[in-house]
Amino acid sequence: MSSVFEVYKPRTIQFSELLNSSDWAIKIYTITNKPEFASDQILQNCKRHLPVWLGQIENAKLPTYRQAFLIIHEAREGVWILLNWWTGGEMVESKVFFSSFDTPDIITDSPYNTNSLLCVWELEVFAHERASWIKHILSKANQPDYIGYIKATFCKAV
């Protein structure tokens, strides 16, 4: 089996904003392989789609806590969009979407069908969110600190 690897280079990860939508608190992050994030049209399009996406989550079998984080990642192929929400106590569920640089007004499901792929840069956000969930929610299980969780954000400039 042959694999093609790209030499790792750090990417800028920015907390963009905290958004409240459909009674959900959503942390929005951007990641870019460029000098600065440039897919503002896709970011705005994602924010318009959030009420529909969150409505679909409401039909989930596991409980949700209306706490989510959205990653919008400019990569080689286009823009990967990862909507992630806490469920079942200590689990994160993810839905992956994609948008092309050429058609920023169109967001599709991931071309990888139902599989959720995460890359090394996105995992940095996941690691932060995991630590924050443990600190503010699981370590205070009798009185979860949702405000502390939602205020704990991550940025990494290159």
C-alpha atoms as a PDB file:
ATOM      1  CA  MET A   1       0.000   0.000   0.000  1.00  0.00           C
ATOM      2  CA  SER A   2       1.445   3.339  -0.973  1.00  0.00           C
ATOM      3  CA  SER A   3       0.454   6.538   0.733  1.00  0.00           C
ATOM      4  CA  VAL A   4       0.971  10.132  -0.245  1.00  0.00           C
ATOM      5  CA  PHE A   5       1.700  12.403   2.673  1.00  0.00           C
ATOM      6  CA  GLU A   6       1.945  16.149   2.803  1.00  0.00           C
ATOM      7  CA  VAL A   7       4.705  17.601   4.976  1.00  0.00           C
ATOM      8  CA  TYR A   8       2.970  18.908   8.098  1.00  0.00           C
ATOM      9  CA  LYS A   9       2.748  22.677   8.425  1.00  0.00           C
ATOM     10  CA  PRO A  10       0.810  24.352  11.225  1.00  0.00           C
ATOM     11  CA  ARG A  11      -2.392  26.119  10.213  1.00  0.00           C
ATOM     12  CA  THR A  12      -4.066  29.107  11.774  1.00  0.00           C
ATOM     13  CA  ILE A  13      -7.042  28.164  13.911  1.00  0.00           C
ATOM     14  CA  GLN A  14      -9.271  31.017  15.040  1.00  0.00           C
ATOM     15  CA  PHE A  15     -12.309  31.232  17.230  1.00  0.00           C
ATOM     16  CA  SER A  16     -14.678  33.223  15.022  1.00  0.00           C
ATOM     17  CA  GLU A  17     -17.732  33.790  17.186  1.00  0.00           C
ATOM     18  CA  LEU A  18     -20.289  32.399  19.571  1.00  0.00           C
ATOM     19  CA  LEU A  19     -23.641  32.024  17.890  1.00  0.00           C
ATOM     20  CA  ASN A  20     -27.016  31.266  19.420  1.00  0.00           C
ATOM     21  CA  SER A  21     -29.372  29.542  17.021  1.00  0.00           C
ATOM     22  CA  SER A  22     -32.569  27.620  17.726  1.00  0.00           C
ATOM     23  CA  ASP A  23     -31.755  27.690  21.454  1.00  0.00           C
ATOM     24  CA  TRP A  24     -28.324  26.161  20.797  1.00  0.00           C
ATOM     25  CA  ALA A  25     -24.948  27.682  21.732  1.00  0.00           C
ATOM     26  CA  ILE A  26     -22.452  27.133  18.914  1.00  0.00           C
ATOM     27  CA  LYS A  27     -18.761  27.982  18.966  1.00  0.00           C
ATOM     28  CA  ILE A  28     -17.559  28.731  15.439  1.00  0.00           C
ATOM     29  CA  TYR A  29     -13.943  28.078  14.482  1.00  0.00           C
ATOM     30  CA  THR A  30     -12.070  28.672  11.246  1.00  0.00           C
ATOM     31  CA  ILE A  31      -8.955  26.852  10.075  1.00  0.00           C
ATOM     32  CA  THR A  32      -6.974  27.829   7.012  1.00  0.00           C
ATOM     33  CA  ASN A  33      -4.038  26.635   4.984  1.00  0.00           C
ATOM     34  CA  LYS A  34      -3.699  30.175   3.611  1.00  0.00           C
ATOM     35  CA  PRO A  35      -2.113  33.234   5.232  1.00  0.00           C
ATOM     36  CA  GLU A  36      -5.599  34.178   6.507  1.00  0.00           C
ATOM     37  CA  PHE A  37      -9.107  32.756   6.331  1.00  0.00           C
ATOM     38  CA  ALA A  38     -10.787  33.929   3.122  1.00  0.00           C
ATOM     39  CA  SER A  39     -14.014  31.910   2.825  1.00  0.00           C
ATOM     40  CA  ASP A  40     -16.337  34.410   4.487  1.00  0.00           C
ATOM     41  CA  GLN A  41     -19.122  33.660   1.993  1.00  0.00           C
ATOM     42  CA  ILE A  42     -19.065  29.988   2.993  1.00  0.00           C
ATOM     43  CA  LEU A  43     -18.991  30.950   6.679  1.00  0.00           C
ATOM     44  CA  GLN A  44     -22.094  33.114   6.225  1.00  0.00           C
ATOM     45  CA  ASN A  45     -23.782  30.353   4.238  1.00  0.00           C
ATOM     46  CA  CYS A  46     -23.086  27.883   7.065  1.00  0.00           C
ATOM     47  CA  LYS A  47     -24.648  30.240   9.592  1.00  0.00           C
ATOM     48  CA  ARG A  48     -27.796  30.425   7.423  1.00  0.00           C
ATOM     49  CA  HIS A  49     -27.944  26.605   7.284  1.00  0.00           C
ATOM     50  CA  LEU A  50     -27.507  26.117  11.041  1.00  0.00           C
ATOM     51  CA  PRO A  51     -31.225  26.226  11.988  1.00  0.00           C
ATOM     52  CA  VAL A  52     -31.980  23.408   9.529  1.00  0.00           C
ATOM     53  CA  TRP A  53     -28.958  21.356  10.564  1.00  0.00           C
ATOM     54  CA  LEU A  54     -29.755  21.799  14.254  1.00  0.00           C
ATOM     55  CA  GLY A  55     -33.375  20.843  13.609  1.00  0.00           C
ATOM     56  CA  GLN A  56     -32.186  17.546  12.158  1.00  0.00           C
ATOM     57  CA  ILE A  57     -30.139  16.877  15.297  1.00  0.00           C
ATOM     58  CA  GLU A  58     -33.291  17.211  17.391  1.00  0.00           C
ATOM     59  CA  ASN A  59     -34.406  13.853  15.977  1.00  0.00           C
ATOM     60  CA  ALA A  60     -31.322  12.076  17.370  1.00  0.00           C
ATOM     61  CA  LYS A  61     -31.755   9.006  19.554  1.00  0.00           C
ATOM     62  CA  LEU A  62     -29.304  10.191  22.213  1.00  0.00           C
ATOM     63  CA  PRO A  63     -29.886  13.283  24.359  1.00  0.00           C
ATOM     64  CA  THR A  64     -28.340  16.538  23.233  1.00  0.00           C
ATOM     65  CA  TYR A  65     -27.361  19.459  25.416  1.00  0.00           C
ATOM     66  CA  ARG A  66     -27.680  22.220  22.823  1.00  0.00           C
ATOM     67  CA  GLN A  67     -23.915  22.784  22.944  1.00  0.00           C
ATOM     68  CA  ALA A  68     -22.031  22.522  19.655  1.00  0.00           C
ATOM     69  CA  PHE A  69     -18.928  23.625  17.799  1.00  0.00           C
ATOM     70  CA  LEU A  70     -18.680  24.278  14.092  1.00  0.00           C
ATOM     71  CA  ILE A  71     -15.361  24.051  12.243  1.00  0.00           C
ATOM     72  CA  ILE A  72     -14.984  25.664   8.820  1.00  0.00           C
ATOM     73  CA  HIS A  73     -11.687  24.490   7.355  1.00  0.00           C
ATOM     74  CA  GLU A  74     -10.099  25.848   4.191  1.00  0.00           C
ATOM     75  CA  ALA A  75      -8.070  22.909   2.878  1.00  0.00           C
ATOM     76  CA  ARG A  76      -6.516  21.828  -0.414  1.00  0.00           C
ATOM     77  CA  GLU A  77      -9.712  20.395  -1.918  1.00  0.00           C
ATOM     78  CA  GLY A  78     -12.112  23.081  -0.751  1.00  0.00           C
ATOM     79  CA  VAL A  79     -13.820  23.934   2.513  1.00  0.00           C
ATOM     80  CA  TRP A  80     -14.700  21.203   4.987  1.00  0.00           C
ATOM     81  CA  ILE A  81     -17.518  22.006   7.390  1.00  0.00           C
ATOM     82  CA  LEU A  82     -17.815  19.965  10.570  1.00  0.00           C
ATOM     83  CA  LEU A  83     -20.834  20.410  12.818  1.00  0.00           C
ATOM     84  CA  ASN A  84     -20.143  18.726  16.162  1.00  0.00           C
ATOM     85  CA  TRP A  85     -22.432  18.447  19.161  1.00  0.00           C
ATOM     86  CA  TRP A  86     -22.258  16.875  22.588  1.00  0.00           C
ATOM     87  CA  THR A  87     -24.540  13.908  23.125  1.00  0.00           C
ATOM     88  CA  GLY A  88     -24.997  10.950  25.424  1.00  0.00           C
ATOM     89  CA  GLY A  89     -23.069  12.588  28.262  1.00  0.00           C
ATOM     90  CA  GLU A  90     -19.495  12.285  27.087  1.00  0.00           C
ATOM     91  CA  MET A  91     -19.677  11.806  23.317  1.00  0.00           C
ATOM     92  CA  VAL A  92     -19.366  14.098  20.317  1.00  0.00           C
ATOM     93  CA  GLU A  93     -21.400  13.433  17.207  1.00  0.00           C
ATOM     94  CA  SER A  94     -20.296  15.008  13.939  1.00  0.00           C
ATOM     95  CA  LYS A  95     -21.844  15.783  10.589  1.00  0.00           C
ATOM     96  CA  VAL A  96     -19.447  16.671   7.783  1.00  0.00           C
ATOM     97  CA  PHE A  97     -20.300  18.937   4.861  1.00  0.00           C
ATOM     98  CA  PHE A  98     -18.251  20.293   1.973  1.00  0.00           C
ATOM     99  CA  SER A  99     -18.160  23.427  -0.167  1.00  0.00           C
ATOM    100  CA  SER A 100     -16.024  24.101  -3.209  1.00  0.00           C
ATOM    101  CA  PHE A 101     -13.962  27.246  -3.577  1.00  0.00           C
ATOM    102  CA  ASP A 102     -15.597  27.611  -7.020  1.00  0.00           C
ATOM    103  CA  THR A 103     -19.197  27.381  -5.725  1.00  0.00           C
ATOM    104  CA  PRO A 104     -19.181  28.896  -2.219  1.00  0.00           C
ATOM    105  CA  ASP A 105     -22.967  29.248  -2.231  1.00  0.00           C
ATOM    106  CA  ILE A 106     -23.420  25.456  -2.391  1.00  0.00           C
ATOM    107  CA  ILE A 107     -22.921  23.222   0.641  1.00  0.00           C
ATOM    108  CA  THR A 108     -23.180  19.464   0.148  1.00  0.00           C
ATOM    109  CA  ASP A 109     -22.896  16.466   2.397  1.00  0.00           C
ATOM    110  CA  SER A 110     -19.383  15.066   2.661  1.00  0.00           C
ATOM    111  CA  PRO A 111     -18.317  13.284  -0.528  1.00  0.00           C
ATOM    112  CA  TYR A 112     -17.267  10.420   1.759  1.00  0.00           C
ATOM    113  CA  ASN A 113     -20.902   9.463   2.412  1.00  0.00           C
ATOM    114  CA  THR A 114     -21.660   8.712   6.037  1.00  0.00           C
ATOM    115  CA  ASN A 115     -18.040   8.480   7.163  1.00  0.00           C
ATOM    116  CA  SER A 116     -16.757  11.395   9.202  1.00  0.00           C
ATOM    117  CA  LEU A 117     -13.155  12.196   8.428  1.00  0.00           C
ATOM    118  CA  LEU A 118     -11.137  14.414  10.747  1.00  0.00           C
ATOM    119  CA  CYS A 119      -7.707  15.754   9.932  1.00  0.00           C
ATOM    120  CA  VAL A 120      -4.807  16.553  12.234  1.00  0.00           C
ATOM    121  CA  TRP A 121      -5.645  20.276  12.301  1.00  0.00           C
ATOM    122  CA  GLU A 122      -9.318  19.721  13.172  1.00  0.00           C
ATOM    123  CA  LEU A 123      -8.266  17.346  15.934  1.00  0.00           C
ATOM    124  CA  GLU A 124      -6.590  20.289  17.682  1.00  0.00           C
ATOM    125  CA  VAL A 125     -10.019  21.889  18.121  1.00  0.00           C
ATOM    126  CA  PHE A 126     -11.491  18.558  19.215  1.00  0.00           C
ATOM    127  CA  ALA A 127      -8.742  18.161  21.845  1.00  0.00           C
ATOM    128  CA  HIS A 128      -9.521  21.608  23.246  1.00  0.00           C
ATOM    129  CA  GLU A 129     -13.272  20.978  23.254  1.00  0.00           C
ATOM    130  CA  ARG A 130     -12.751  17.608  24.961  1.00  0.00           C
ATOM    131  CA  ALA A 131     -10.682  19.191  27.739  1.00  0.00           C
ATOM    132  CA  SER A 132     -13.227  21.977  28.134  1.00  0.00           C
ATOM    133  CA  TRP A 133     -16.154  19.517  28.307  1.00  0.00           C
ATOM    134  CA  ILE A 134     -14.358  17.527  30.998  1.00  0.00           C
ATOM    135  CA  LYS A 135     -13.468  20.642  32.997  1.00  0.00           C
ATOM    136  CA  HIS A 136     -16.820  22.430  32.845  1.00  0.00           C
ATOM    137  CA  ILE A 137     -19.358  19.635  32.432  1.00  0.00           C
ATOM    138  CA  LEU A 138     -18.164  16.163  33.409  1.00  0.00           C
ATOM    139  CA  SER A 139     -16.094  17.285  36.412  1.00  0.00           C
ATOM    140  CA  LYS A 140     -19.145  19.206  37.634  1.00  0.00           C
ATOM    141  CA  ALA A 141     -21.714  16.578  36.701  1.00  0.00           C
ATOM    142  CA  ASN A 142     -24.082  17.600  39.517  1.00  0.00           C
ATOM    143  CA  GLN A 143     -24.070  21.228  38.363  1.00  0.00           C
ATOM    144  CA  PRO A 144     -22.661  21.461  34.820  1.00  0.00           C
ATOM    145  CA  ASP A 145     -21.158  24.838  33.968  1.00  0.00           C
ATOM    146  CA  TYR A 146     -22.473  25.347  30.429  1.00  0.00           C
ATOM    147  CA  ILE A 147     -21.527  29.031  30.484  1.00  0.00           C
ATOM    148  CA  GLY A 148     -17.928  28.175  31.392  1.00  0.00           C
ATOM    149  CA  TYR A 149     -17.852  25.568  28.645  1.00  0.00           C
ATOM    150  CA  ILE A 150     -19.180  27.841  25.927  1.00  0.00           C
ATOM    151  CA  LYS A 151     -16.805  30.666  26.920  1.00  0.00           C
ATOM    152  CA  ALA A 152     -13.736  28.401  26.740  1.00  0.00           C
ATOM    153  CA  THR A 153     -12.441  28.860  23.212  1.00  0.00           C
ATOM    154  CA  PHE A 154      -9.289  27.940  21.308  1.00  0.00           C
ATOM    155  CA  CYS A 155      -7.077  29.893  18.897  1.00  0.00           C
ATOM    156  CA  LYS A 156      -3.727  29.046  17.383  1.00  0.00           C
ATOM    157  CA  ALA A 157      -2.043  31.566  15.133  1.00  0.00           C
ATOM    158  CA  VAL A 158       0.817  30.513  12.908  1.00  0.00           C
END
